């Protein structure tokens, strides 16, 4: 997997849930909070994970791009965690 990943099936309800869940569970801050494009920053004990996001409501997709990550965090860990949050918001 690369530094950019597209997630499909992102309805407005799923998107709001993803932002809320990631904030509650991981302290992720979306800036701007209600924007379709911006950054999502999560502070971890090994360093910050910073992702750019771009929501496309018409296509029901969100594209994330890794801007910064700690050496100890793999891209797969970031994408798997993101997918788990999305899947949790769909159920």
Protein backbone atom coordinates (compact mmCIF):
# COMPACT_ATOMS: atom_id res chain seq x y z
CA UNK A 1 0.00 0.00 0.00
CA UNK A 2 1.15 3.49 -0.73
CA UNK A 3 1.07 6.83 1.00
CA UNK A 4 -2.41 7.56 -0.41
CA UNK A 5 -5.51 5.42 -0.03
CA UNK A 6 -9.12 5.87 -1.13
CA UNK A 7 -11.93 4.53 1.04
CA UNK A 8 -15.32 3.95 -0.57
CA UNK A 9 -18.89 3.98 0.75
CA UNK A 10 -18.37 7.10 2.86
CA UNK A 11 -21.83 8.55 3.38
CA UNK A 12 -22.25 11.79 5.36
CA UNK A 13 -23.33 9.70 8.37
CA UNK A 14 -20.30 7.41 8.11
CA UNK A 15 -17.98 10.43 7.75
CA UNK A 16 -19.35 12.12 10.88
CA UNK A 17 -19.02 8.84 12.78
CA UNK A 18 -15.42 8.34 11.58
CA UNK A 19 -14.42 11.81 12.78
CA UNK A 20 -16.18 11.38 16.13
CA UNK A 21 -14.93 7.84 16.75
CA UNK A 22 -11.33 8.61 15.81
CA UNK A 23 -11.38 11.63 18.11
CA UNK A 24 -12.83 9.69 21.05
CA UNK A 25 -10.63 6.60 20.61
CA UNK A 26 -7.38 8.17 19.41
CA UNK A 27 -7.61 11.94 20.00
CA UNK A 28 -7.58 12.64 16.26
CA UNK A 29 -8.24 16.28 15.39
CA UNK A 30 -9.74 17.11 11.99
CA UNK A 31 -8.89 20.59 10.75
CA UNK A 32 -11.10 22.18 9.66
CA UNK A 33 -13.66 20.20 11.69
CA UNK A 34 -16.42 20.47 9.09
CA UNK A 35 -14.34 20.72 5.94
CA UNK A 36 -14.24 18.38 2.97
CA UNK A 37 -10.45 18.85 2.76
CA UNK A 38 -7.86 19.34 5.45
CA UNK A 39 -5.68 17.44 7.88
CA UNK A 40 -6.31 14.78 10.50
CA UNK A 41 -3.68 14.74 13.24
CA UNK A 42 -3.30 12.00 15.83
CA UNK A 43 -0.71 12.35 18.59
CA UNK A 44 0.72 8.99 19.69
CA UNK A 45 3.38 8.05 22.21
CA UNK A 46 5.82 7.39 19.37
CA UNK A 47 5.01 10.58 17.42
CA UNK A 48 2.38 12.35 15.38
CA UNK A 49 0.44 10.80 12.52
CA UNK A 50 -0.66 13.51 10.09
CA UNK A 51 -2.95 12.69 7.18
CA UNK A 52 -4.39 14.97 4.54
CA UNK A 53 -7.99 14.11 3.77
CA UNK A 54 -10.23 14.88 0.83
CA UNK A 55 -13.90 13.94 1.06
CA UNK A 56 -15.86 13.58 -2.18
CA UNK A 57 -19.52 13.41 -1.13
CA UNK A 58 -20.72 12.89 -4.72
CA UNK A 59 -18.56 9.76 -5.09
CA UNK A 60 -18.98 8.69 -1.42
CA UNK A 61 -15.20 8.46 -1.03
CA UNK A 62 -12.53 9.89 1.21
CA UNK A 63 -8.89 9.97 0.15
CA UNK A 64 -6.22 10.05 2.85
CA UNK A 65 -2.56 10.84 2.21
CA UNK A 66 0.12 10.23 4.83
CA UNK A 67 2.00 13.48 5.41
CA UNK A 68 3.90 12.45 8.53
CA UNK A 69 4.15 9.29 10.57
CA UNK A 70 6.46 7.90 13.21
CA UNK A 71 9.06 5.43 12.01
CA UNK A 72 7.51 2.73 14.22
CA UNK A 73 4.05 3.11 12.62
CA UNK A 74 3.69 1.31 9.30
CA UNK A 75 1.46 2.44 6.48
CA UNK A 76 -0.46 -0.82 6.83
CA UNK A 77 -1.16 -0.10 10.51
CA UNK A 78 -2.53 3.33 9.61
CA UNK A 79 -4.71 2.03 6.76
CA UNK A 80 -5.94 -0.98 8.75
CA UNK A 81 -6.87 1.24 11.69
CA UNK A 82 -8.68 3.64 9.38
CA UNK A 83 -10.57 0.76 7.74
CA UNK A 84 -11.55 -0.63 11.16
CA UNK A 85 -12.99 2.73 12.19
CA UNK A 86 -14.91 3.03 8.91
CA UNK A 87 -16.23 -0.53 9.23
CA UNK A 88 -17.34 0.17 12.80
CA UNK A 89 -19.25 3.22 11.60
CA UNK A 90 -21.06 1.18 8.95
CA UNK A 91 -22.49 -1.36 11.39
